[in-house]
């Protein structure tokens, strides 16, 4: 027989850690380097992604 692996449920505080700030509008924006040119608009853009909730915002130059 195989080994029994204990299943550990994450606590709610660990599951939702850092998301209350994002819900209040305090995102932690970081620049995404992969996408710098928008093909549909034909412009240079800066893509920001929140490191906590993975939300994205785009600004054009």
N, C-alpha and C. Protein backbone atom coordinates (compact mmCIF):
# COMPACT_ATOMS: atom_id res chain seq x y z
N UNK A 1 0.85 -1.18 0.00
CA UNK A 1 0.00 0.00 0.00
C UNK A 1 0.89 1.25 0.00
N UNK A 2 0.29 2.34 -0.41
CA UNK A 2 1.01 3.59 -0.46
C UNK A 2 0.95 4.34 0.87
N UNK A 3 1.69 5.40 0.92
CA UNK A 3 1.68 6.23 2.12
C UNK A 3 0.43 7.10 2.13
N UNK A 4 -0.07 7.36 3.32
CA UNK A 4 -1.24 8.22 3.48
C UNK A 4 -0.75 9.66 3.62
N UNK A 5 -1.22 10.53 2.73
CA UNK A 5 -0.83 11.92 2.74
C UNK A 5 -1.93 12.72 3.43
N UNK A 6 -1.60 13.42 4.52
CA UNK A 6 -2.64 14.20 5.20
C UNK A 6 -3.02 15.42 4.36
N UNK A 7 -4.31 15.69 4.26
CA UNK A 7 -4.82 16.83 3.51
C UNK A 7 -4.97 18.00 4.47
N UNK A 8 -4.30 19.10 4.17
CA UNK A 8 -4.36 20.28 5.02
C UNK A 8 -5.14 21.37 4.31
N UNK A 9 -6.26 21.77 4.88
CA UNK A 9 -7.05 22.86 4.32
C UNK A 9 -6.38 24.19 4.66
N UNK A 10 -6.30 25.11 3.70
CA UNK A 10 -5.74 26.41 4.04
C UNK A 10 -6.74 27.21 4.88
N UNK A 11 -6.20 27.93 5.85
CA UNK A 11 -7.07 28.78 6.67
C UNK A 11 -7.60 29.92 5.82
N UNK A 12 -8.74 30.45 6.20
CA UNK A 12 -9.33 31.55 5.43
C UNK A 12 -8.41 32.76 5.39
N UNK A 13 -7.67 33.01 6.47
CA UNK A 13 -6.77 34.16 6.48
C UNK A 13 -5.64 33.98 5.46
N UNK A 14 -5.20 32.74 5.24
CA UNK A 14 -4.17 32.48 4.25
C UNK A 14 -4.74 32.53 2.83
N UNK A 15 -5.98 32.07 2.66
CA UNK A 15 -6.60 32.03 1.35
C UNK A 15 -6.86 33.43 0.79
N UNK A 16 -7.28 34.34 1.63
CA UNK A 16 -7.63 35.69 1.19
C UNK A 16 -6.59 36.73 1.60
N UNK A 17 -5.36 36.31 1.81
CA UNK A 17 -4.31 37.22 2.26
C UNK A 17 -3.99 38.26 1.20
N UNK A 18 -4.07 39.53 1.57
CA UNK A 18 -3.72 40.63 0.67
C UNK A 18 -4.83 41.09 -0.25
N UNK A 19 -5.96 40.41 -0.29
CA UNK A 19 -7.03 40.77 -1.22
C UNK A 19 -7.91 41.89 -0.67
N UNK A 20 -7.90 42.12 0.64
CA UNK A 20 -8.75 43.18 1.18
C UNK A 20 -8.21 44.55 0.76
N UNK A 21 -6.91 44.68 0.61
CA UNK A 21 -6.34 45.94 0.14
C UNK A 21 -6.78 46.22 -1.30
N UNK A 22 -6.78 45.21 -2.14
CA UNK A 22 -7.16 45.38 -3.54
C UNK A 22 -8.65 45.73 -3.66
N UNK A 23 -9.48 45.14 -2.83
CA UNK A 23 -10.90 45.46 -2.87
C UNK A 23 -11.14 46.91 -2.48
N UNK A 24 -10.26 47.47 -1.67
CA UNK A 24 -10.39 48.87 -1.26
C UNK A 24 -9.74 49.82 -2.24
N UNK A 25 -9.12 49.29 -3.30
CA UNK A 25 -8.52 50.15 -4.32
C UNK A 25 -7.04 50.37 -4.16
N UNK A 26 -6.40 49.66 -3.24
CA UNK A 26 -4.96 49.82 -2.99
C UNK A 26 -4.20 48.65 -3.61
N UNK A 27 -4.12 48.66 -4.96
CA UNK A 27 -3.41 47.60 -5.66
C UNK A 27 -1.91 47.81 -5.57
N UNK A 28 -1.16 46.76 -5.82
CA UNK A 28 0.30 46.82 -5.84
C UNK A 28 0.72 46.62 -7.29
N UNK A 29 0.75 47.72 -8.08
CA UNK A 29 0.97 47.64 -9.52
C UNK A 29 2.43 47.40 -9.82
N UNK A 30 2.68 46.49 -10.79
CA UNK A 30 4.02 46.24 -11.30
C UNK A 30 3.94 46.22 -12.83
N UNK A 31 4.98 46.71 -13.50
CA UNK A 31 4.99 46.80 -14.96
C UNK A 31 5.25 45.41 -15.54
N UNK A 32 4.45 45.05 -16.56
CA UNK A 32 4.63 43.79 -17.27
C UNK A 32 5.46 44.08 -18.51
N UNK A 33 6.58 43.42 -18.65
CA UNK A 33 7.51 43.71 -19.75
C UNK A 33 7.17 42.98 -21.04
N UNK A 34 6.36 41.91 -20.99
CA UNK A 34 6.10 41.12 -22.19
C UNK A 34 5.29 41.89 -23.24
N UNK A 35 4.29 42.64 -22.81
CA UNK A 35 3.42 43.35 -23.75
C UNK A 35 3.75 44.84 -23.72
N UNK A 36 4.37 45.32 -24.78
CA UNK A 36 4.68 46.74 -24.84
C UNK A 36 4.06 47.42 -26.06
N UNK A 37 3.47 46.64 -26.95
CA UNK A 37 2.89 47.21 -28.16
C UNK A 37 1.51 46.60 -28.37
N UNK A 38 0.50 47.45 -28.52
CA UNK A 38 -0.86 46.99 -28.77
C UNK A 38 -1.10 46.98 -30.28
N UNK A 39 -1.35 45.80 -30.83
CA UNK A 39 -1.50 45.66 -32.28
C UNK A 39 -2.78 46.31 -32.76
N UNK A 40 -3.87 46.18 -32.02
CA UNK A 40 -5.15 46.73 -32.46
C UNK A 40 -5.13 48.25 -32.48
N UNK A 41 -4.53 48.86 -31.48
CA UNK A 41 -4.46 50.33 -31.44
C UNK A 41 -3.30 50.86 -32.27
N UNK A 42 -2.25 50.05 -32.41
CA UNK A 42 -1.07 50.50 -33.13
C UNK A 42 -0.24 51.48 -32.32
N UNK A 43 -0.25 51.33 -31.02
CA UNK A 43 0.45 52.26 -30.13
C UNK A 43 1.29 51.51 -29.11
N UNK A 44 2.27 52.22 -28.58
CA UNK A 44 3.01 51.69 -27.44
C UNK A 44 2.14 51.81 -26.20
N UNK A 45 2.12 50.77 -25.40
CA UNK A 45 1.32 50.77 -24.18
C UNK A 45 2.17 50.27 -23.02
N UNK A 46 1.75 50.62 -21.82
CA UNK A 46 2.34 50.09 -20.61
C UNK A 46 1.27 49.28 -19.90
N UNK A 47 1.57 48.02 -19.64
CA UNK A 47 0.62 47.13 -18.97
C UNK A 47 1.08 46.98 -17.53
N UNK A 48 0.17 47.24 -16.61
CA UNK A 48 0.43 47.07 -15.18
C UNK A 48 -0.38 45.90 -14.68
N UNK A 49 0.21 45.05 -13.81
CA UNK A 49 -0.49 43.92 -13.22
C UNK A 49 -0.29 43.98 -11.70
N UNK A 50 -1.38 43.81 -10.97
CA UNK A 50 -1.32 43.79 -9.51
C UNK A 50 -0.68 42.48 -9.08
N UNK A 51 0.31 42.57 -8.20
CA UNK A 51 1.01 41.36 -7.77
C UNK A 51 0.19 40.55 -6.78
N UNK A 52 -0.86 41.15 -6.20
CA UNK A 52 -1.68 40.40 -5.24
C UNK A 52 -2.87 39.72 -5.89
N UNK A 53 -3.64 40.44 -6.74
CA UNK A 53 -4.88 39.88 -7.26
C UNK A 53 -4.84 39.65 -8.78
N UNK A 54 -3.74 39.94 -9.44
CA UNK A 54 -3.54 39.73 -10.88
C UNK A 54 -4.46 40.58 -11.75
N UNK A 55 -5.00 41.67 -11.24
CA UNK A 55 -5.79 42.59 -12.06
C UNK A 55 -4.83 43.36 -12.98
N UNK A 56 -5.32 43.76 -14.16
CA UNK A 56 -4.48 44.47 -15.12
C UNK A 56 -5.08 45.82 -15.47
N UNK A 57 -4.18 46.78 -15.75
CA UNK A 57 -4.61 48.06 -16.31
C UNK A 57 -3.61 48.44 -17.38
N UNK A 58 -4.10 49.16 -18.41
CA UNK A 58 -3.29 49.49 -19.56
C UNK A 58 -3.33 51.01 -19.75
N UNK A 59 -2.15 51.59 -19.94
CA UNK A 59 -2.08 53.02 -20.28
C UNK A 59 -1.33 53.14 -21.59
N UNK A 60 -1.80 54.05 -22.46
CA UNK A 60 -1.13 54.25 -23.74
C UNK A 60 -0.28 55.52 -23.66
N UNK A 61 0.70 55.59 -24.52
CA UNK A 61 1.62 56.73 -24.52
C UNK A 61 1.25 57.70 -25.58
